[in-house]
Amino acid sequence: MGNCNNLDHALHNEKACKYLDKKPDYLDWVITTAFYSALHFVRHILFPIEVETKNGKAKYNDFETFYRSCNHQRLNKHRFLSDTLEQYHPSISSDYNQLLDIS
Protein backbone atom coordinates (compact mmCIF):
# COMPACT_ATOMS: atom_id res chain seq x y z
CA MET A 1 0.00 0.00 0.00
CA GLY A 2 2.91 2.41 0.48
CA ASN A 3 2.24 5.80 2.07
CA CYS A 4 -1.45 6.07 1.38
CA ASN A 5 -3.88 8.15 3.36
CA ASN A 6 -6.44 6.75 5.77
CA LEU A 7 -9.30 6.87 3.28
CA ASP A 8 -7.32 4.97 0.64
CA HIS A 9 -6.29 2.39 3.22
CA ALA A 10 -9.89 2.04 4.46
CA LEU A 11 -11.19 1.51 0.94
CA HIS A 12 -8.45 -1.03 0.20
CA ASN A 13 -9.30 -3.02 3.34
CA GLU A 14 -13.01 -2.78 2.58
CA LYS A 15 -12.38 -4.24 -0.88
CA ALA A 16 -10.42 -7.11 0.66
CA CYS A 17 -13.20 -7.66 3.19
CA LYS A 18 -15.86 -7.90 0.47
CA TYR A 19 -13.69 -10.32 -1.50
CA LEU A 20 -13.07 -12.55 1.51
CA ASP A 21 -16.75 -12.44 2.49
CA LYS A 22 -17.51 -14.53 -0.61
CA LYS A 23 -15.28 -17.32 0.71
CA PRO A 24 -16.78 -19.20 3.68
CA ASP A 25 -13.36 -20.54 4.71
CA TYR A 26 -12.09 -17.05 5.62
CA LEU A 27 -14.77 -15.60 7.88
CA ASP A 28 -12.19 -14.80 10.58
CA TRP A 29 -10.39 -12.62 8.03
CA VAL A 30 -13.67 -10.94 7.09
CA ILE A 31 -13.93 -9.69 10.66
CA THR A 32 -10.27 -8.65 10.74
CA THR A 33 -10.44 -6.74 7.45
CA ALA A 34 -13.77 -5.16 8.45
CA PHE A 35 -12.19 -3.91 11.66
CA TYR A 36 -9.09 -2.49 9.98
CA SER A 37 -11.24 -0.86 7.34
CA ALA A 38 -13.30 0.75 10.12
CA LEU A 39 -10.12 1.80 11.93
CA HIS A 40 -8.90 3.73 8.89
CA PHE A 41 -12.35 5.21 8.18
CA VAL A 42 -12.42 6.43 11.81
CA ARG A 43 -8.97 7.98 11.49
CA HIS A 44 -10.11 9.67 8.30
CA ILE A 45 -13.16 11.10 10.09
CA LEU A 46 -11.22 12.26 13.16
CA PHE A 47 -8.17 13.89 11.60
CA PRO A 48 -7.18 16.60 11.47
CA ILE A 49 -8.44 17.23 15.00
CA GLU A 50 -8.30 20.30 17.20
CA VAL A 51 -8.27 19.78 20.96
CA GLU A 52 -8.20 21.98 24.02
CA THR A 53 -4.98 21.87 26.00
CA LYS A 54 -3.86 23.68 29.12
CA ASN A 55 -2.02 26.10 26.83
CA GLY A 56 -4.93 26.71 24.43
CA LYS A 57 -5.84 24.74 21.33
CA ALA A 58 -3.65 22.26 19.51
CA LYS A 59 -4.22 20.80 16.06
CA TYR A 60 -3.11 17.29 15.13
CA ASN A 61 -3.09 16.18 11.51
CA ASP A 62 -2.66 12.46 12.07
CA PHE A 63 -3.35 9.77 14.62
CA GLU A 64 0.27 8.86 15.38
CA THR A 65 1.20 12.41 16.40
CA PHE A 66 -1.98 12.77 18.43
CA TYR A 67 -1.36 9.43 20.15
CA ARG A 68 2.22 10.31 21.11
CA SER A 69 1.25 13.77 22.36
CA CYS A 70 -2.01 13.08 24.18
CA ASN A 71 -1.85 9.51 25.47
CA HIS A 72 -1.13 10.40 29.09
CA GLN A 73 -2.86 7.27 30.41
CA ARG A 74 -0.56 5.02 28.32
CA LEU A 75 -3.44 3.23 26.58
CA ASN A 76 -2.72 0.93 23.67
CA LYS A 77 -3.45 2.44 20.25
CA HIS A 78 -6.76 0.63 19.76
CA ARG A 79 -8.16 1.70 23.12
CA PHE A 80 -6.89 5.26 22.68
CA LEU A 81 -8.55 5.54 19.26
CA SER A 82 -11.75 4.08 20.68
CA ASP A 83 -11.79 6.59 23.55
CA THR A 84 -11.08 9.47 21.15
CA LEU A 85 -13.90 8.37 18.85
CA GLU A 86 -16.28 8.11 21.79
CA GLN A 87 -15.41 11.64 22.84
CA TYR A 88 -15.66 13.30 19.42
CA HIS A 89 -18.11 11.08 17.49
CA PRO A 90 -20.17 9.12 20.02
CA SER A 91 -22.85 8.25 17.45
CA ILE A 92 -20.52 5.79 15.70
CA SER A 93 -18.34 4.69 18.59
CA SER A 94 -20.48 1.75 19.70
CA ASP A 95 -20.37 0.14 16.24
CA TYR A 96 -16.61 0.65 16.09
CA ASN A 97 -16.17 -0.78 19.58
CA GLN A 98 -18.22 -3.83 18.66
CA LEU A 99 -15.87 -4.53 15.75
CA LEU A 100 -12.87 -3.92 18.02
CA ASP A 101 -14.21 -6.40 20.57
CA ILE A 102 -14.86 -9.22 18.09
CA SER A 103 -11.66 -8.75 16.13
C-alpha atoms as a PDB file:
ATOM      1  CA  MET A   1       0.000   0.000   0.000  1.00  0.00           C
ATOM      2  CA  GLY A   2       2.913   2.414   0.483  1.00  0.00           C
ATOM      3  CA  ASN A   3       2.244   5.797   2.070  1.00  0.00           C
ATOM      4  CA  CYS A   4      -1.452   6.072   1.376  1.00  0.00           C
ATOM      5  CA  ASN A   5      -3.879   8.155   3.358  1.00  0.00           C
ATOM      6  CA  ASN A   6      -6.439   6.754   5.767  1.00  0.00           C
ATOM      7  CA  LEU A   7      -9.301   6.872   3.278  1.00  0.00           C
ATOM      8  CA  ASP A   8      -7.318   4.970   0.638  1.00  0.00           C
ATOM      9  CA  HIS A   9      -6.293   2.390   3.221  1.00  0.00           C
ATOM     10  CA  ALA A  10      -9.888   2.043   4.461  1.00  0.00           C
ATOM     11  CA  LEU A  11     -11.194   1.506   0.940  1.00  0.00           C
ATOM     12  CA  HIS A  12      -8.452  -1.028   0.198  1.00  0.00           C
ATOM     13  CA  ASN A  13      -9.298  -3.016   3.343  1.00  0.00           C
ATOM     14  CA  GLU A  14     -13.010  -2.785   2.583  1.00  0.00           C
ATOM     15  CA  LYS A  15     -12.382  -4.237  -0.877  1.00  0.00           C
ATOM     16  CA  ALA A  16     -10.420  -7.115   0.662  1.00  0.00           C
ATOM     17  CA  CYS A  17     -13.205  -7.661   3.191  1.00  0.00           C
ATOM     18  CA  LYS A  18     -15.860  -7.903   0.471  1.00  0.00           C
ATOM     19  CA  TYR A  19     -13.692 -10.317  -1.500  1.00  0.00           C
ATOM     20  CA  LEU A  20     -13.067 -12.551   1.510  1.00  0.00           C
ATOM     21  CA  ASP A  21     -16.745 -12.436   2.494  1.00  0.00           C
ATOM     22  CA  LYS A  22     -17.508 -14.527  -0.615  1.00  0.00           C
ATOM     23  CA  LYS A  23     -15.279 -17.317   0.708  1.00  0.00           C
ATOM     24  CA  PRO A  24     -16.783 -19.201   3.683  1.00  0.00           C
ATOM     25  CA  ASP A  25     -13.360 -20.543   4.709  1.00  0.00           C
ATOM     26  CA  TYR A  26     -12.092 -17.053   5.624  1.00  0.00           C
ATOM     27  CA  LEU A  27     -14.769 -15.598   7.881  1.00  0.00           C
ATOM     28  CA  ASP A  28     -12.189 -14.801  10.577  1.00  0.00           C
ATOM     29  CA  TRP A  29     -10.387 -12.616   8.030  1.00  0.00           C
ATOM     30  CA  VAL A  30     -13.675 -10.940   7.086  1.00  0.00           C
ATOM     31  CA  ILE A  31     -13.929  -9.693  10.664  1.00  0.00           C
ATOM     32  CA  THR A  32     -10.272  -8.653  10.739  1.00  0.00           C
ATOM     33  CA  THR A  33     -10.439  -6.738   7.450  1.00  0.00           C
ATOM     34  CA  ALA A  34     -13.765  -5.160   8.446  1.00  0.00           C
ATOM     35  CA  PHE A  35     -12.185  -3.907  11.658  1.00  0.00           C
ATOM     36  CA  TYR A  36      -9.089  -2.488   9.976  1.00  0.00           C
ATOM     37  CA  SER A  37     -11.240  -0.861   7.339  1.00  0.00           C
ATOM     38  CA  ALA A  38     -13.297   0.746  10.116  1.00  0.00           C
ATOM     39  CA  LEU A  39     -10.121   1.803  11.927  1.00  0.00           C
ATOM     40  CA  HIS A  40      -8.896   3.727   8.887  1.00  0.00           C
ATOM     41  CA  PHE A  41     -12.348   5.212   8.182  1.00  0.00           C
ATOM     42  CA  VAL A  42     -12.417   6.426  11.805  1.00  0.00           C
ATOM     43  CA  ARG A  43      -8.971   7.979  11.495  1.00  0.00           C
ATOM     44  CA  HIS A  44     -10.111   9.674   8.302  1.00  0.00           C
ATOM     45  CA  ILE A  45     -13.158  11.101  10.093  1.00  0.00           C
ATOM     46  CA  LEU A  46     -11.220  12.257  13.157  1.00  0.00           C
ATOM     47  CA  PHE A  47      -8.167  13.889  11.596  1.00  0.00           C
ATOM     48  CA  PRO A  48      -7.185  16.599  11.468  1.00  0.00           C
ATOM     49  CA  ILE A  49      -8.440  17.234  14.996  1.00  0.00           C
ATOM     50  CA  GLU A  50      -8.296  20.299  17.201  1.00  0.00           C
ATOM     51  CA  VAL A  51      -8.269  19.784  20.960  1.00  0.00           C
ATOM     52  CA  GLU A  52      -8.198  21.983  24.023  1.00  0.00           C
ATOM     53  CA  THR A  53      -4.981  21.871  26.001  1.00  0.00           C
ATOM     54  CA  LYS A  54      -3.865  23.681  29.122  1.00  0.00           C
ATOM     55  CA  ASN A  55      -2.016  26.104  26.827  1.00  0.00           C
ATOM     56  CA  GLY A  56      -4.925  26.715  24.430  1.00  0.00           C
ATOM     57  CA  LYS A  57      -5.845  24.735  21.333  1.00  0.00           C
ATOM     58  CA  ALA A  58      -3.654  22.258  19.512  1.00  0.00           C
ATOM     59  CA  LYS A  59      -4.219  20.796  16.058  1.00  0.00           C
ATOM     60  CA  TYR A  60      -3.111  17.286  15.128  1.00  0.00           C
ATOM     61  CA  ASN A  61      -3.088  16.181  11.513  1.00  0.00           C
ATOM     62  CA  ASP A  62      -2.660  12.463  12.071  1.00  0.00           C
ATOM     63  CA  PHE A  63      -3.352   9.774  14.621  1.00  0.00           C
ATOM     64  CA  GLU A  64       0.267   8.864  15.376  1.00  0.00           C
ATOM     65  CA  THR A  65       1.203  12.413  16.399  1.00  0.00           C
ATOM     66  CA  PHE A  66      -1.975  12.774  18.434  1.00  0.00           C
ATOM     67  CA  TYR A  67      -1.361   9.425  20.147  1.00  0.00           C
ATOM     68  CA  ARG A  68       2.215  10.312  21.113  1.00  0.00           C
ATOM     69  CA  SER A  69       1.248  13.772  22.358  1.00  0.00           C
ATOM     70  CA  CYS A  70      -2.007  13.075  24.184  1.00  0.00           C
ATOM     71  CA  ASN A  71      -1.852   9.509  25.475  1.00  0.00           C
ATOM     72  CA  HIS A  72      -1.132  10.398  29.087  1.00  0.00           C
ATOM     73  CA  GLN A  73      -2.863   7.266  30.414  1.00  0.00           C
ATOM     74  CA  ARG A  74      -0.561   5.024  28.316  1.00  0.00           C
ATOM     75  CA  LEU A  75      -3.439   3.233  26.579  1.00  0.00           C
ATOM     76  CA  ASN A  76      -2.724   0.932  23.667  1.00  0.00           C
ATOM     77  CA  LYS A  77      -3.454   2.445  20.255  1.00  0.00           C
ATOM     78  CA  HIS A  78      -6.755   0.626  19.756  1.00  0.00           C
ATOM     79  CA  ARG A  79      -8.159   1.703  23.123  1.00  0.00           C
ATOM     80  CA  PHE A  80      -6.890   5.259  22.677  1.00  0.00           C
ATOM     81  CA  LEU A  81      -8.553   5.545  19.264  1.00  0.00           C
ATOM     82  CA  SER A  82     -11.754   4.075  20.684  1.00  0.00           C
ATOM     83  CA  ASP A  83     -11.790   6.592  23.547  1.00  0.00           C
ATOM     84  CA  THR A  84     -11.079   9.469  21.154  1.00  0.00           C
ATOM     85  CA  LEU A  85     -13.899   8.375  18.847  1.00  0.00           C
ATOM     86  CA  GLU A  86     -16.276   8.110  21.794  1.00  0.00           C
ATOM     87  CA  GLN A  87     -15.406  11.641  22.840  1.00  0.00           C
ATOM     88  CA  TYR A  88     -15.657  13.299  19.417  1.00  0.00           C
ATOM     89  CA  HIS A  89     -18.107  11.077  17.488  1.00  0.00           C
ATOM     90  CA  PRO A  90     -20.170   9.119  20.025  1.00  0.00           C
ATOM     91  CA  SER A  91     -22.851   8.250  17.452  1.00  0.00           C
ATOM     92  CA  ILE A  92     -20.517   5.792  15.699  1.00  0.00           C
ATOM     93  CA  SER A  93     -18.335   4.693  18.592  1.00  0.00           C
ATOM     94  CA  SER A  94     -20.483   1.745  19.702  1.00  0.00           C
ATOM     95  CA  ASP A  95     -20.367   0.139  16.240  1.00  0.00           C
ATOM     96  CA  TYR A  96     -16.608   0.653  16.087  1.00  0.00           C
ATOM     97  CA  ASN A  97     -16.168  -0.784  19.580  1.00  0.00           C
ATOM     98  CA  GLN A  98     -18.220  -3.829  18.656  1.00  0.00           C
ATOM     99  CA  LEU A  99     -15.867  -4.535  15.753  1.00  0.00           C
ATOM    100  CA  LEU A 100     -12.874  -3.924  18.018  1.00  0.00           C
ATOM    101  CA  ASP A 101     -14.206  -6.401  20.574  1.00  0.00           C
ATOM    102  CA  ILE A 102     -14.859  -9.219  18.094  1.00  0.00           C
ATOM    103  CA  SER A 103     -11.664  -8.755  16.134  1.00  0.00           C
END
